[in-house]
Amino acid sequence: MRKTSAVTLFESLASGVRLDIYRLLVRKGLEGMVAGDIAAALDLPPTNLSFHLKAMTQAGLLTVEQEGRYQRYRANLPLMLDLITYLTAECCAGHPDQCAVPGRVKAAVSRRSSTAKRG
């Protein structure tokens, strides 16, 4: 993933409403939801929801599929996993095993500090 793509995704999620939409669709998984059900679940006016769904779809965060008169939206999970990979690619200076558990990172930092004080 390129930096510009990551920035676009973050900009698209930089709204409480859009985060709520994305998290709702993540919970629904492959089933997704039609726009009217999203609006009802989040208590949003349809025009407001439409604006956010369009922006999120253009950014690639959501996929949309026509189902008769309705449009079914799904979270683009592979794209989000790519974004997470991009963010964590250089985790812990090439030691990703330390990043898996926060306690390990804290312990490693403590060890480094005490070693630095002794040296």
C-alpha atoms as a PDB file:
ATOM      1  CA  MET A   1       0.000   0.000   0.000  1.00  0.00           C
ATOM      2  CA  ARG A   2       1.203   3.483  -0.785  1.00  0.00           C
ATOM      3  CA  LYS A   3       1.206   6.290   1.735  1.00  0.00           C
ATOM      4  CA  THR A   4      -1.303   8.293  -0.346  1.00  0.00           C
ATOM      5  CA  SER A   5      -3.733   5.363  -0.259  1.00  0.00           C
ATOM      6  CA  ALA A   6      -3.395   5.053   3.515  1.00  0.00           C
ATOM      7  CA  VAL A   7      -4.018   8.787   3.937  1.00  0.00           C
ATOM      8  CA  THR A   8      -7.160   8.556   1.771  1.00  0.00           C
ATOM      9  CA  LEU A   9      -8.504   5.727   3.916  1.00  0.00           C
ATOM     10  CA  PHE A  10      -7.814   7.583   7.154  1.00  0.00           C
ATOM     11  CA  GLU A  11      -9.419  10.753   5.793  1.00  0.00           C
ATOM     12  CA  SER A  12     -12.495   8.755   4.839  1.00  0.00           C
ATOM     13  CA  LEU A  13     -12.765   7.359   8.365  1.00  0.00           C
ATOM     14  CA  ALA A  14     -12.130  10.712  10.064  1.00  0.00           C
ATOM     15  CA  SER A  15     -15.766  11.068  11.074  1.00  0.00           C
ATOM     16  CA  GLY A  16     -17.667   9.528  13.944  1.00  0.00           C
ATOM     17  CA  VAL A  17     -20.553   8.634  11.636  1.00  0.00           C
ATOM     18  CA  ARG A  18     -18.267   6.882   9.162  1.00  0.00           C
ATOM     19  CA  LEU A  19     -16.528   4.953  11.921  1.00  0.00           C
ATOM     20  CA  ASP A  20     -19.942   3.830  13.180  1.00  0.00           C
ATOM     21  CA  ILE A  21     -20.953   2.737   9.673  1.00  0.00           C
ATOM     22  CA  TYR A  22     -17.714   0.840   9.099  1.00  0.00           C
ATOM     23  CA  ARG A  23     -17.799  -0.906  12.478  1.00  0.00           C
ATOM     24  CA  LEU A  24     -21.448  -1.889  11.941  1.00  0.00           C
ATOM     25  CA  LEU A  25     -20.609  -3.388   8.559  1.00  0.00           C
ATOM     26  CA  VAL A  26     -17.580  -5.196   9.985  1.00  0.00           C
ATOM     27  CA  ARG A  27     -19.890  -6.838  12.530  1.00  0.00           C
ATOM     28  CA  LYS A  28     -22.221  -7.924   9.722  1.00  0.00           C
ATOM     29  CA  GLY A  29     -19.354  -9.538   7.798  1.00  0.00           C
ATOM     30  CA  LEU A  30     -20.114 -10.967   4.365  1.00  0.00           C
ATOM     31  CA  GLU A  31     -23.850 -10.497   4.901  1.00  0.00           C
ATOM     32  CA  GLY A  32     -23.472  -6.704   4.757  1.00  0.00           C
ATOM     33  CA  MET A  33     -26.506  -4.469   5.015  1.00  0.00           C
ATOM     34  CA  VAL A  34     -28.787  -2.494   2.755  1.00  0.00           C
ATOM     35  CA  ALA A  35     -28.713   1.265   3.143  1.00  0.00           C
ATOM     36  CA  GLY A  36     -32.129   1.518   4.804  1.00  0.00           C
ATOM     37  CA  ASP A  37     -31.119  -0.960   7.502  1.00  0.00           C
ATOM     38  CA  ILE A  38     -27.876   0.929   8.126  1.00  0.00           C
ATOM     39  CA  ALA A  39     -29.826   4.175   8.494  1.00  0.00           C
ATOM     40  CA  ALA A  40     -32.255   2.552  10.919  1.00  0.00           C
ATOM     41  CA  ALA A  41     -29.518   0.879  12.972  1.00  0.00           C
ATOM     42  CA  LEU A  42     -27.582   4.127  13.364  1.00  0.00           C
ATOM     43  CA  ASP A  43     -30.605   6.456  13.463  1.00  0.00           C
ATOM     44  CA  LEU A  44     -29.368   8.502  10.505  1.00  0.00           C
ATOM     45  CA  PRO A  45     -31.403  10.409   7.921  1.00  0.00           C
ATOM     46  CA  PRO A  46     -31.163   8.687   4.507  1.00  0.00           C
ATOM     47  CA  THR A  47     -29.641  11.732   2.792  1.00  0.00           C
ATOM     48  CA  ASN A  48     -26.922  12.003   5.442  1.00  0.00           C
ATOM     49  CA  LEU A  49     -26.203   8.278   5.189  1.00  0.00           C
ATOM     50  CA  SER A  50     -26.071   8.419   1.391  1.00  0.00           C
ATOM     51  CA  PHE A  51     -23.395  11.123   1.531  1.00  0.00           C
ATOM     52  CA  HIS A  52     -21.209   9.043   3.855  1.00  0.00           C
ATOM     53  CA  LEU A  53     -21.731   5.749   1.999  1.00  0.00           C
ATOM     54  CA  LYS A  54     -20.744   7.376  -1.290  1.00  0.00           C
ATOM     55  CA  ALA A  55     -17.536   8.817   0.174  1.00  0.00           C
ATOM     56  CA  MET A  56     -16.596   5.534   1.846  1.00  0.00           C
ATOM     57  CA  THR A  57     -17.305   3.561  -1.330  1.00  0.00           C
ATOM     58  CA  GLN A  58     -15.186   5.956  -3.405  1.00  0.00           C
ATOM     59  CA  ALA A  59     -12.329   5.547  -0.919  1.00  0.00           C
ATOM     60  CA  GLY A  60     -12.629   1.773  -1.267  1.00  0.00           C
ATOM     61  CA  LEU A  61     -13.618   1.108   2.351  1.00  0.00           C
ATOM     62  CA  LEU A  62     -16.960  -0.319   1.283  1.00  0.00           C
ATOM     63  CA  THR A  63     -18.161  -2.450  -1.576  1.00  0.00           C
ATOM     64  CA  VAL A  64     -21.686  -2.093  -2.897  1.00  0.00           C
ATOM     65  CA  GLU A  65     -23.840  -4.546  -4.808  1.00  0.00           C
ATOM     66  CA  GLN A  66     -27.193  -3.829  -6.429  1.00  0.00           C
ATOM     67  CA  GLU A  67     -30.004  -6.099  -5.197  1.00  0.00           C
ATOM     68  CA  GLY A  68     -33.151  -5.166  -7.060  1.00  0.00           C
ATOM     69  CA  ARG A  69     -34.187  -1.770  -5.720  1.00  0.00           C
ATOM     70  CA  TYR A  70     -31.655  -1.909  -2.891  1.00  0.00           C
ATOM     71  CA  GLN A  71     -27.919  -1.547  -2.555  1.00  0.00           C
ATOM     72  CA  ARG A  72     -26.084  -3.878  -0.182  1.00  0.00           C
ATOM     73  CA  TYR A  73     -22.948  -2.481   1.447  1.00  0.00           C
ATOM     74  CA  ARG A  74     -20.102  -4.515   2.889  1.00  0.00           C
ATOM     75  CA  ALA A  75     -16.888  -3.507   4.633  1.00  0.00           C
ATOM     76  CA  ASN A  76     -13.871  -4.077   2.399  1.00  0.00           C
ATOM     77  CA  LEU A  77     -12.018  -6.196   4.946  1.00  0.00           C
ATOM     78  CA  PRO A  78      -9.074  -7.136   2.686  1.00  0.00           C
ATOM     79  CA  LEU A  79      -8.342  -3.426   2.195  1.00  0.00           C
ATOM     80  CA  MET A  80      -8.464  -2.781   5.944  1.00  0.00           C
ATOM     81  CA  LEU A  81      -6.105  -5.715   6.523  1.00  0.00           C
ATOM     82  CA  ASP A  82      -3.732  -4.190   3.938  1.00  0.00           C
ATOM     83  CA  LEU A  83      -3.891  -0.897   5.845  1.00  0.00           C
ATOM     84  CA  ILE A  84      -3.103  -2.641   9.128  1.00  0.00           C
ATOM     85  CA  THR A  85      -0.196  -4.440   7.449  1.00  0.00           C
ATOM     86  CA  TYR A  86       1.071  -1.108   6.108  1.00  0.00           C
ATOM     87  CA  LEU A  87       0.886   0.436   9.585  1.00  0.00           C
ATOM     88  CA  THR A  88       2.633  -2.435  11.327  1.00  0.00           C
ATOM     89  CA  ALA A  89       5.157  -3.472   8.657  1.00  0.00           C
ATOM     90  CA  GLU A  90       8.097  -2.152  10.640  1.00  0.00           C
ATOM     91  CA  CYS A  91       6.710  -2.959  14.056  1.00  0.00           C
ATOM     92  CA  CYS A  92       9.224  -2.988  16.904  1.00  0.00           C
ATOM     93  CA  ALA A  93      12.220  -2.386  14.648  1.00  0.00           C
ATOM     94  CA  GLY A  94      11.834  -5.669  12.808  1.00  0.00           C
ATOM     95  CA  HIS A  95      10.772  -7.737  15.833  1.00  0.00           C
ATOM     96  CA  PRO A  96       7.006  -8.101  15.301  1.00  0.00           C
ATOM     97  CA  ASP A  97       6.822 -10.830  17.955  1.00  0.00           C
ATOM     98  CA  GLN A  98       7.272  -8.068  20.538  1.00  0.00           C
ATOM     99  CA  CYS A  99       4.319  -6.137  19.136  1.00  0.00           C
ATOM    100  CA  ALA A 100       1.799  -8.942  19.527  1.00  0.00           C
ATOM    101  CA  VAL A 101       1.361  -8.494  23.283  1.00  0.00           C
ATOM    102  CA  PRO A 102       1.500  -5.003  24.843  1.00  0.00           C
ATOM    103  CA  GLY A 103       3.011  -6.401  28.062  1.00  0.00           C
ATOM    104  CA  ARG A 104       5.985  -7.720  26.109  1.00  0.00           C
ATOM    105  CA  VAL A 105       6.616  -4.319  24.579  1.00  0.00           C
ATOM    106  CA  LYS A 106       6.449  -2.674  28.005  1.00  0.00           C
ATOM    107  CA  ALA A 107       8.831  -5.293  29.422  1.00  0.00           C
ATOM    108  CA  ALA A 108      11.237  -4.833  26.507  1.00  0.00           C
ATOM    109  CA  VAL A 109      11.234  -1.058  27.012  1.00  0.00           C
ATOM    110  CA  SER A 110      11.872  -1.525  30.746  1.00  0.00           C
ATOM    111  CA  ARG A 111      14.788  -3.877  30.014  1.00  0.00           C
ATOM    112  CA  ARG A 112      16.278  -1.400  27.553  1.00  0.00           C
ATOM    113  CA  SER A 113      15.965   1.459  30.078  1.00  0.00           C
ATOM    114  CA  SER A 114      17.597  -0.496  32.889  1.00  0.00           C
ATOM    115  CA  THR A 115      20.387  -1.669  30.565  1.00  0.00           C
ATOM    116  CA  ALA A 116      20.994   1.922  29.440  1.00  0.00           C
ATOM    117  CA  LYS A 117      21.193   3.112  33.047  1.00  0.00           C
ATOM    118  CA  ARG A 118      23.772   0.446  33.908  1.00  0.00           C
ATOM    119  CA  GLY A 119      25.873   1.069  30.789  1.00  0.00           C
END
